[in-house]
Amino acid sequence: MKEFLSNDTCPIRSILDRLGDKWSILIFLTLSTNGTMRFNEINRSIGDISHRMLTVTLRTLEEDGLISRKIYAEVPPRVEYKLTELG
């Protein structure tokens, strides 16, 4: 029987950790269905996610290169999110 790599070196475990949580999956589904969306649109679409959890999840997915964030220099500021090619 083959053994899997430890948690620190296994790339599959890293991918599952990132994509396996329910908020990441719901954000991916929402953005893939609706395309480019603003923060409040994503929040309303998912419904039961807190603002803090949505913010943290979006930042993490952006750091991983799975979604992109575009900030418009307007008053009030407008920020849009969409999936990247990798996402």
PDB file of N, CA and C in Angstrom:
ATOM      1  N   MET A   1       0.843  -1.183   0.000  1.00  0.00           N
ATOM      2  CA  MET A   1       0.000   0.000   0.000  1.00  0.00           C
ATOM      3  C   MET A   1       0.886   1.243   0.000  1.00  0.00           C
ATOM      4  N   LYS A   2       0.567   2.202  -0.860  1.00  0.00           N
ATOM      5  CA  LYS A   2       1.339   3.438  -0.923  1.00  0.00           C
ATOM      6  C   LYS A   2       0.915   4.369   0.195  1.00  0.00           C
ATOM      7  N   GLU A   3       1.868   5.147   0.670  1.00  0.00           N
ATOM      8  CA  GLU A   3       1.574   6.124   1.710  1.00  0.00           C
ATOM      9  C   GLU A   3       1.518   7.521   1.099  1.00  0.00           C
ATOM     10  N   PHE A   4       0.667   8.350   1.665  1.00  0.00           N
ATOM     11  CA  PHE A   4       0.577   9.729   1.223  1.00  0.00           C
ATOM     12  C   PHE A   4       1.655  10.545   1.902  1.00  0.00           C
ATOM     13  N   LEU A   5       2.013  11.656   1.279  1.00  0.00           N
ATOM     14  CA  LEU A   5       3.001  12.552   1.857  1.00  0.00           C
ATOM     15  C   LEU A   5       2.436  13.209   3.111  1.00  0.00           C
ATOM     16  N   SER A   6       3.314  13.707   3.949  1.00  0.00           N
ATOM     17  CA  SER A   6       2.862  14.378   5.168  1.00  0.00           C
ATOM     18  C   SER A   6       2.105  15.655   4.816  1.00  0.00           C
ATOM     19  N   ASN A   7       1.425  16.218   5.784  1.00  0.00           N
ATOM     20  CA  ASN A   7       0.617  17.423   5.562  1.00  0.00           C
ATOM     21  C   ASN A   7       1.431  18.585   5.010  1.00  0.00           C
ATOM     22  N   ASP A   8       2.692  18.695   5.402  1.00  0.00           N
ATOM     23  CA  ASP A   8       3.514  19.826   4.993  1.00  0.00           C
ATOM     24  C   ASP A   8       3.956  19.763   3.537  1.00  0.00           C
ATOM     25  N   THR A   9       4.046  18.574   2.958  1.00  0.00           N
ATOM     26  CA  THR A   9       4.612  18.450   1.614  1.00  0.00           C
ATOM     27  C   THR A   9       3.628  17.945   0.564  1.00  0.00           C
ATOM     28  N   CYS A  10       2.443  17.614   0.932  1.00  0.00           N
ATOM     29  CA  CYS A  10       1.487  17.050  -0.020  1.00  0.00           C
ATOM     30  C   CYS A  10       0.681  18.164  -0.709  1.00  0.00           C
ATOM     31  N   PRO A  11       0.861  18.365  -2.019  1.00  0.00           N
ATOM     32  CA  PRO A  11       0.128  19.432  -2.712  1.00  0.00           C
ATOM     33  C   PRO A  11      -1.378  19.169  -2.780  1.00  0.00           C
ATOM     34  N   ILE A  12      -1.766  17.925  -2.823  1.00  0.00           N
ATOM     35  CA  ILE A  12      -3.197  17.602  -2.874  1.00  0.00           C
ATOM     36  C   ILE A  12      -3.883  18.027  -1.585  1.00  0.00           C
ATOM     37  N   ARG A  13      -3.236  17.811  -0.457  1.00  0.00           N
ATOM     38  CA  ARG A  13      -3.812  18.238   0.827  1.00  0.00           C
ATOM     39  C   ARG A  13      -3.977  19.756   0.866  1.00  0.00           C
ATOM     40  N   SER A  14      -3.015  20.480   0.315  1.00  0.00           N
ATOM     41  CA  SER A  14      -3.103  21.940   0.288  1.00  0.00           C
ATOM     42  C   SER A  14      -4.293  22.399  -0.547  1.00  0.00           C
ATOM     43  N   ILE A  15      -4.487  21.777  -1.695  1.00  0.00           N
ATOM     44  CA  ILE A  15      -5.612  22.131  -2.561  1.00  0.00           C
ATOM     45  C   ILE A  15      -6.936  21.812  -1.877  1.00  0.00           C
ATOM     46  N   LEU A  16      -7.044  20.663  -1.265  1.00  0.00           N
ATOM     47  CA  LEU A  16      -8.276  20.290  -0.575  1.00  0.00           C
ATOM     48  C   LEU A  16      -8.549  21.188   0.621  1.00  0.00           C
ATOM     49  N   ASP A  17      -7.490  21.588   1.331  1.00  0.00           N
ATOM     50  CA  ASP A  17      -7.677  22.515   2.442  1.00  0.00           C
ATOM     51  C   ASP A  17      -8.249  23.837   1.970  1.00  0.00           C
ATOM     52  N   ARG A  18      -7.742  24.331   0.841  1.00  0.00           N
ATOM     53  CA  ARG A  18      -8.187  25.621   0.330  1.00  0.00           C
ATOM     54  C   ARG A  18      -9.592  25.550  -0.246  1.00  0.00           C
ATOM     55  N   LEU A  19      -9.861  24.534  -1.040  1.00  0.00           N
ATOM     56  CA  LEU A  19     -11.143  24.465  -1.749  1.00  0.00           C
ATOM     57  C   LEU A  19     -12.196  23.660  -1.017  1.00  0.00           C
ATOM     58  N   GLY A  20     -11.814  22.963   0.022  1.00  0.00           N
ATOM     59  CA  GLY A  20     -12.736  22.063   0.695  1.00  0.00           C
ATOM     60  C   GLY A  20     -13.664  22.724   1.677  1.00  0.00           C
ATOM     61  N   ASP A  21     -13.375  23.960   2.090  1.00  0.00           N
ATOM     62  CA  ASP A  21     -14.286  24.581   3.048  1.00  0.00           C
ATOM     63  C   ASP A  21     -15.532  25.097   2.335  1.00  0.00           C
ATOM     64  N   LYS A  22     -16.623  25.143   3.050  1.00  0.00           N
ATOM     65  CA  LYS A  22     -17.905  25.429   2.390  1.00  0.00           C
ATOM     66  C   LYS A  22     -17.979  26.841   1.811  1.00  0.00           C
ATOM     67  N   TRP A  23     -17.326  27.825   2.442  1.00  0.00           N
ATOM     68  CA  TRP A  23     -17.432  29.193   1.932  1.00  0.00           C
ATOM     69  C   TRP A  23     -16.702  29.348   0.609  1.00  0.00           C
ATOM     70  N   SER A  24     -15.533  28.745   0.479  1.00  0.00           N
ATOM     71  CA  SER A  24     -14.800  28.832  -0.792  1.00  0.00           C
ATOM     72  C   SER A  24     -15.611  28.220  -1.919  1.00  0.00           C
ATOM     73  N   ILE A  25     -16.203  27.068  -1.671  1.00  0.00           N
ATOM     74  CA  ILE A  25     -17.022  26.396  -2.686  1.00  0.00           C
ATOM     75  C   ILE A  25     -18.209  27.266  -3.083  1.00  0.00           C
ATOM     76  N   LEU A  26     -18.879  27.866  -2.095  1.00  0.00           N
ATOM     77  CA  LEU A  26     -20.032  28.717  -2.407  1.00  0.00           C
ATOM     78  C   LEU A  26     -19.620  29.978  -3.166  1.00  0.00           C
ATOM     79  N   ILE A  27     -18.470  30.551  -2.827  1.00  0.00           N
ATOM     80  CA  ILE A  27     -17.992  31.726  -3.552  1.00  0.00           C
ATOM     81  C   ILE A  27     -17.648  31.350  -4.987  1.00  0.00           C
ATOM     82  N   PHE A  28     -16.972  30.211  -5.183  1.00  0.00           N
ATOM     83  CA  PHE A  28     -16.670  29.748  -6.541  1.00  0.00           C
ATOM     84  C   PHE A  28     -17.950  29.543  -7.340  1.00  0.00           C
ATOM     85  N   LEU A  29     -18.911  28.892  -6.753  1.00  0.00           N
ATOM     86  CA  LEU A  29     -20.179  28.636  -7.435  1.00  0.00           C
ATOM     87  C   LEU A  29     -20.879  29.945  -7.795  1.00  0.00           C
ATOM     88  N   THR A  30     -20.912  30.877  -6.859  1.00  0.00           N
ATOM     89  CA  THR A  30     -21.567  32.163  -7.090  1.00  0.00           C
ATOM     90  C   THR A  30     -20.892  32.942  -8.206  1.00  0.00           C
ATOM     91  N   LEU A  31     -19.549  33.022  -8.173  1.00  0.00           N
ATOM     92  CA  LEU A  31     -18.834  33.780  -9.197  1.00  0.00           C
ATOM     93  C   LEU A  31     -18.862  33.086 -10.558  1.00  0.00           C
ATOM     94  N   SER A  32     -18.829  31.761 -10.563  1.00  0.00           N
ATOM     95  CA  SER A  32     -18.883  31.066 -11.848  1.00  0.00           C
ATOM     96  C   SER A  32     -20.266  31.179 -12.494  1.00  0.00           C
ATOM     97  N   THR A  33     -21.290  31.269 -11.682  1.00  0.00           N
ATOM     98  CA  THR A  33     -22.652  31.400 -12.198  1.00  0.00           C
ATOM     99  C   THR A  33     -22.957  32.827 -12.641  1.00  0.00           C
ATOM    100  N   ASN A  34     -22.515  33.805 -11.850  1.00  0.00           N
ATOM    101  CA  ASN A  34     -22.905  35.195 -12.081  1.00  0.00           C
ATOM    102  C   ASN A  34     -21.836  36.065 -12.717  1.00  0.00           C
ATOM    103  N   GLY A  35     -20.620  35.581 -12.825  1.00  0.00           N
ATOM    104  CA  GLY A  35     -19.541  36.408 -13.381  1.00  0.00           C
ATOM    105  C   GLY A  35     -19.021  37.396 -12.361  1.00  0.00           C
ATOM    106  N   THR A  36     -18.672  38.578 -12.822  1.00  0.00           N
ATOM    107  CA  THR A  36     -18.128  39.625 -11.956  1.00  0.00           C
ATOM    108  C   THR A  36     -19.210  40.128 -11.005  1.00  0.00           C
ATOM    109  N   MET A  37     -18.841  40.229  -9.726  1.00  0.00           N
ATOM    110  CA  MET A  37     -19.807  40.656  -8.710  1.00  0.00           C
ATOM    111  C   MET A  37     -19.140  41.562  -7.694  1.00  0.00           C
ATOM    112  N   ARG A  38     -19.949  42.396  -7.066  1.00  0.00           N
ATOM    113  CA  ARG A  38     -19.488  43.228  -5.962  1.00  0.00           C
ATOM    114  C   ARG A  38     -19.662  42.471  -4.655  1.00  0.00           C
ATOM    115  N   PHE A  39     -18.991  42.985  -3.612  1.00  0.00           N
ATOM    116  CA  PHE A  39     -18.991  42.329  -2.310  1.00  0.00           C
ATOM    117  C   PHE A  39     -20.409  42.066  -1.803  1.00  0.00           C
ATOM    118  N   ASN A  40     -21.249  43.092  -1.790  1.00  0.00           N
ATOM    119  CA  ASN A  40     -22.612  42.932  -1.258  1.00  0.00           C
ATOM    120  C   ASN A  40     -23.461  41.990  -2.110  1.00  0.00           C
ATOM    121  N   GLU A  41     -23.196  41.938  -3.394  1.00  0.00           N
ATOM    122  CA  GLU A  41     -23.922  40.994  -4.254  1.00  0.00           C
ATOM    123  C   GLU A  41     -23.550  39.553  -3.888  1.00  0.00           C
ATOM    124  N   ILE A  42     -22.264  39.316  -3.647  1.00  0.00           N
ATOM    125  CA  ILE A  42     -21.824  37.979  -3.229  1.00  0.00           C
ATOM    126  C   ILE A  42     -22.446  37.644  -1.881  1.00  0.00           C
ATOM    127  N   ASN A  43     -22.431  38.607  -0.969  1.00  0.00           N
ATOM    128  CA  ASN A  43     -22.985  38.393   0.370  1.00  0.00           C
ATOM    129  C   ASN A  43     -24.474  38.060   0.308  1.00  0.00           C
ATOM    130  N   ARG A  44     -25.224  38.802  -0.494  1.00  0.00           N
ATOM    131  CA  ARG A  44     -26.665  38.528  -0.629  1.00  0.00           C
ATOM    132  C   ARG A  44     -26.917  37.180  -1.300  1.00  0.00           C
ATOM    133  N   SER A  45     -26.087  36.837  -2.273  1.00  0.00           N
ATOM    134  CA  SER A  45     -26.261  35.582  -2.997  1.00  0.00           C
ATOM    135  C   SER A  45     -26.039  34.370  -2.087  1.00  0.00           C
ATOM    136  N   ILE A  46     -25.010  34.445  -1.243  1.00  0.00           N
ATOM    137  CA  ILE A  46     -24.722  33.327  -0.340  1.00  0.00           C
ATOM    138  C   ILE A  46     -25.667  33.341   0.849  1.00  0.00           C
ATOM    139  N   GLY A  47     -25.941  34.515   1.383  1.00  0.00           N
ATOM    140  CA  GLY A  47     -26.956  34.636   2.427  1.00  0.00           C
ATOM    141  C   GLY A  47     -26.462  34.501   3.851  1.00  0.00           C
ATOM    142  N   ASP A  48     -26.036  33.326   4.257  1.00  0.00           N
ATOM    143  CA  ASP A  48     -25.749  33.096   5.673  1.00  0.00           C
ATOM    144  C   ASP A  48     -24.274  33.232   6.046  1.00  0.00           C
ATOM    145  N   ILE A  49     -23.480  33.918   5.237  1.00  0.00           N
ATOM    146  CA  ILE A  49     -22.069  34.144   5.539  1.00  0.00           C
ATOM    147  C   ILE A  49     -21.926  35.529   6.182  1.00  0.00           C
ATOM    148  N   SER A  50     -21.088  35.628   7.210  1.00  0.00           N
ATOM    149  CA  SER A  50     -20.863  36.917   7.857  1.00  0.00           C
ATOM    150  C   SER A  50     -19.949  37.765   6.981  1.00  0.00           C
ATOM    151  N   HIS A  51     -19.989  39.072   7.202  1.00  0.00           N
ATOM    152  CA  HIS A  51     -19.127  39.974   6.438  1.00  0.00           C
ATOM    153  C   HIS A  51     -17.660  39.639   6.674  1.00  0.00           C
ATOM    154  N   ARG A  52     -17.311  39.337   7.908  1.00  0.00           N
ATOM    155  CA  ARG A  52     -15.922  39.018   8.237  1.00  0.00           C
ATOM    156  C   ARG A  52     -15.462  37.751   7.528  1.00  0.00           C
ATOM    157  N   MET A  53     -16.275  36.706   7.561  1.00  0.00           N
ATOM    158  CA  MET A  53     -15.890  35.444   6.917  1.00  0.00           C
ATOM    159  C   MET A  53     -15.791  35.614   5.406  1.00  0.00           C
ATOM    160  N   LEU A  54     -16.693  36.392   4.825  1.00  0.00           N
ATOM    161  CA  LEU A  54     -16.627  36.639   3.390  1.00  0.00           C
ATOM    162  C   LEU A  54     -15.354  37.410   3.041  1.00  0.00           C
ATOM    163  N   THR A  55     -15.029  38.411   3.835  1.00  0.00           N
ATOM    164  CA  THR A  55     -13.819  39.192   3.608  1.00  0.00           C
ATOM    165  C   THR A  55     -12.573  38.319   3.698  1.00  0.00           C
ATOM    166  N   VAL A  56     -12.478  37.516   4.747  1.00  0.00           N
ATOM    167  CA  VAL A  56     -11.313  36.647   4.947  1.00  0.00           C
ATOM    168  C   VAL A  56     -11.190  35.638   3.815  1.00  0.00           C
ATOM    169  N   THR A  57     -12.295  35.032   3.420  1.00  0.00           N
ATOM    170  CA  THR A  57     -12.268  34.023   2.355  1.00  0.00           C
ATOM    171  C   THR A  57     -11.900  34.646   1.017  1.00  0.00           C
ATOM    172  N   LEU A  58     -12.461  35.818   0.703  1.00  0.00           N
ATOM    173  CA  LEU A  58     -12.125  36.497  -0.548  1.00  0.00           C
ATOM    174  C   LEU A  58     -10.645  36.876  -0.585  1.00  0.00           C
ATOM    175  N   ARG A  59     -10.113  37.376   0.519  1.00  0.00           N
ATOM    176  CA  ARG A  59      -8.689  37.736   0.569  1.00  0.00           C
ATOM    177  C   ARG A  59      -7.801  36.514   0.369  1.00  0.00           C
ATOM    178  N   THR A  60      -8.155  35.418   1.019  1.00  0.00           N
ATOM    179  CA  THR A  60      -7.361  34.196   0.891  1.00  0.00           C
ATOM    180  C   THR A  60      -7.388  33.675  -0.540  1.00  0.00           C
ATOM    181  N   LEU A  61      -8.563  33.654  -1.147  1.00  0.00           N
ATOM    182  CA  LEU A  61      -8.680  33.188  -2.531  1.00  0.00           C
ATOM    183  C   LEU A  61      -7.941  34.114  -3.489  1.00  0.00           C
ATOM    184  N   GLU A  62      -7.927  35.411  -3.187  1.00  0.00           N
ATOM    185  CA  GLU A  62      -7.182  36.356  -4.013  1.00  0.00           C
ATOM    186  C   GLU A  62      -5.674  36.125  -3.865  1.00  0.00           C
ATOM    187  N   GLU A  63      -5.208  35.900  -2.642  1.00  0.00           N
ATOM    188  CA  GLU A  63      -3.783  35.629  -2.404  1.00  0.00           C
ATOM    189  C   GLU A  63      -3.334  34.366  -3.137  1.00  0.00           C
ATOM    190  N   ASP A  64      -4.233  33.401  -3.239  1.00  0.00           N
ATOM    191  CA  ASP A  64      -3.920  32.148  -3.927  1.00  0.00           C
ATOM    192  C   ASP A  64      -4.038  32.267  -5.444  1.00  0.00           C
ATOM    193  N   GLY A  65      -4.512  33.417  -5.932  1.00  0.00           N
ATOM    194  CA  GLY A  65      -4.620  33.636  -7.372  1.00  0.00           C
ATOM    195  C   GLY A  65      -5.849  33.009  -7.996  1.00  0.00           C
ATOM    196  N   LEU A  66      -6.849  32.667  -7.193  1.00  0.00           N
ATOM    197  CA  LEU A  66      -8.041  32.014  -7.720  1.00  0.00           C
ATOM    198  C   LEU A  66      -9.138  33.000  -8.101  1.00  0.00           C
ATOM    199  N   ILE A  67      -9.136  34.162  -7.475  1.00  0.00           N
ATOM    200  CA  ILE A  67     -10.067  35.220  -7.857  1.00  0.00           C
ATOM    201  C   ILE A  67      -9.269  36.514  -7.992  1.00  0.00           C
ATOM    202  N   SER A  68      -9.815  37.459  -8.739  1.00  0.00           N
ATOM    203  CA  SER A  68      -9.180  38.760  -8.866  1.00  0.00           C
ATOM    204  C   SER A  68     -10.109  39.815  -8.285  1.00  0.00           C
ATOM    205  N   ARG A  69      -9.491  40.866  -7.791  1.00  0.00           N
ATOM    206  CA  ARG A  69     -10.223  41.962  -7.161  1.00  0.00           C
ATOM    207  C   ARG A  69      -9.837  43.240  -7.884  1.00  0.00           C
ATOM    208  N   LYS A  70     -10.823  43.994  -8.336  1.00  0.00           N
ATOM    209  CA  LYS A  70     -10.562  45.249  -9.025  1.00  0.00           C
ATOM    210  C   LYS A  70     -11.218  46.382  -8.248  1.00  0.00           C
ATOM    211  N   ILE A  71     -10.404  47.382  -7.914  1.00  0.00           N
ATOM    212  CA  ILE A  71     -10.874  48.539  -7.146  1.00  0.00           C
ATOM    213  C   ILE A  71     -11.001  49.722  -8.099  1.00  0.00           C
ATOM    214  N   TYR A  72     -12.146  50.385  -8.081  1.00  0.00           N
ATOM    215  CA  TYR A  72     -12.386  51.562  -8.897  1.00  0.00           C
ATOM    216  C   TYR A  72     -12.264  52.803  -8.021  1.00  0.00           C
ATOM    217  N   ALA A  73     -11.583  53.820  -8.524  1.00  0.00           N
ATOM    218  CA  ALA A  73     -11.386  55.061  -7.779  1.00  0.00           C
ATOM    219  C   ALA A  73     -12.632  55.931  -7.919  1.00  0.00           C
ATOM    220  N   GLU A  74     -13.632  55.589  -7.143  1.00  0.00           N
ATOM    221  CA  GLU A  74     -14.897  56.318  -7.153  1.00  0.00           C
ATOM    222  C   GLU A  74     -15.277  56.633  -5.713  1.00  0.00           C
ATOM    223  N   VAL A  75     -16.248  57.504  -5.549  1.00  0.00           N
ATOM    224  CA  VAL A  75     -16.790  57.783  -4.227  1.00  0.00           C
ATOM    225  C   VAL A  75     -18.255  57.422  -4.272  1.00  0.00           C
ATOM    226  N   PRO A  76     -18.708  56.444  -3.501  1.00  0.00           N
ATOM    227  CA  PRO A  76     -17.940  55.534  -2.650  1.00  0.00           C
ATOM    228  C   PRO A  76     -17.154  54.538  -3.503  1.00  0.00           C
ATOM    229  N   PRO A  77     -16.091  53.968  -2.921  1.00  0.00           N
ATOM    230  CA  PRO A  77     -15.271  53.017  -3.682  1.00  0.00           C
ATOM    231  C   PRO A  77     -16.083  51.808  -4.143  1.00  0.00           C
ATOM    232  N   ARG A  78     -15.766  51.357  -5.340  1.00  0.00           N
ATOM    233  CA  ARG A  78     -16.437  50.171  -5.887  1.00  0.00           C
ATOM    234  C   ARG A  78     -15.373  49.093  -6.073  1.00  0.00           C
ATOM    235  N   VAL A  79     -15.666  47.885  -5.575  1.00  0.00           N
ATOM    236  CA  VAL A  79     -14.752  46.757  -5.685  1.00  0.00           C
ATOM    237  C   VAL A  79     -15.506  45.598  -6.318  1.00  0.00           C
ATOM    238  N   GLU A  80     -14.907  44.998  -7.350  1.00  0.00           N
ATOM    239  CA  GLU A  80     -15.527  43.865  -8.029  1.00  0.00           C
ATOM    240  C   GLU A  80     -14.612  42.653  -7.967  1.00  0.00           C
ATOM    241  N   TYR A  81     -15.225  41.476  -7.874  1.00  0.00           N
ATOM    242  CA  TYR A  81     -14.508  40.216  -7.804  1.00  0.00           C
ATOM    243  C   TYR A  81     -14.915  39.336  -8.980  1.00  0.00           C
ATOM    244  N   LYS A  82     -13.948  38.575  -9.493  1.00  0.00           N
ATOM    245  CA  LYS A  82     -14.268  37.596 -10.532  1.00  0.00           C
ATOM    246  C   LYS A  82     -13.243  36.475 -10.463  1.00  0.00           C
ATOM    247  N   LEU A  83     -13.593  35.331 -11.049  1.00  0.00           N
ATOM    248  CA  LEU A  83     -12.674  34.205 -11.092  1.00  0.00           C
ATOM    249  C   LEU A  83     -11.539  34.500 -12.056  1.00  0.00           C
ATOM    250  N   THR A  84     -10.352  34.031 -11.737  1.00  0.00           N
ATOM    251  CA  THR A  84      -9.212  34.131 -12.654  1.00  0.00           C
ATOM    252  C   THR A  84      -9.192  32.897 -13.545  1.00  0.00           C
ATOM    253  N   GLU A  85      -8.270  32.860 -14.477  1.00  0.00           N
ATOM    254  CA  GLU A  85      -8.105  31.673 -15.323  1.00  0.00           C
ATOM    255  C   GLU A  85      -7.816  30.446 -14.458  1.00  0.00           C
ATOM    256  N   LEU A  86      -6.975  30.613 -13.438  1.00  0.00           N
ATOM    257  CA  LEU A  86      -6.644  29.519 -12.537  1.00  0.00           C
ATOM    258  C   LEU A  86      -7.867  29.054 -11.760  1.00  0.00           C
ATOM    259  N   GLY A  87      -8.699  30.036 -11.343  1.00  0.00           N
ATOM    260  CA  GLY A  87      -9.906  29.726 -10.584  1.00  0.00           C
ATOM    261  C   GLY A  87     -10.929  29.049 -11.450  1.00  0.00           C
TER     262      GLY A  87
END
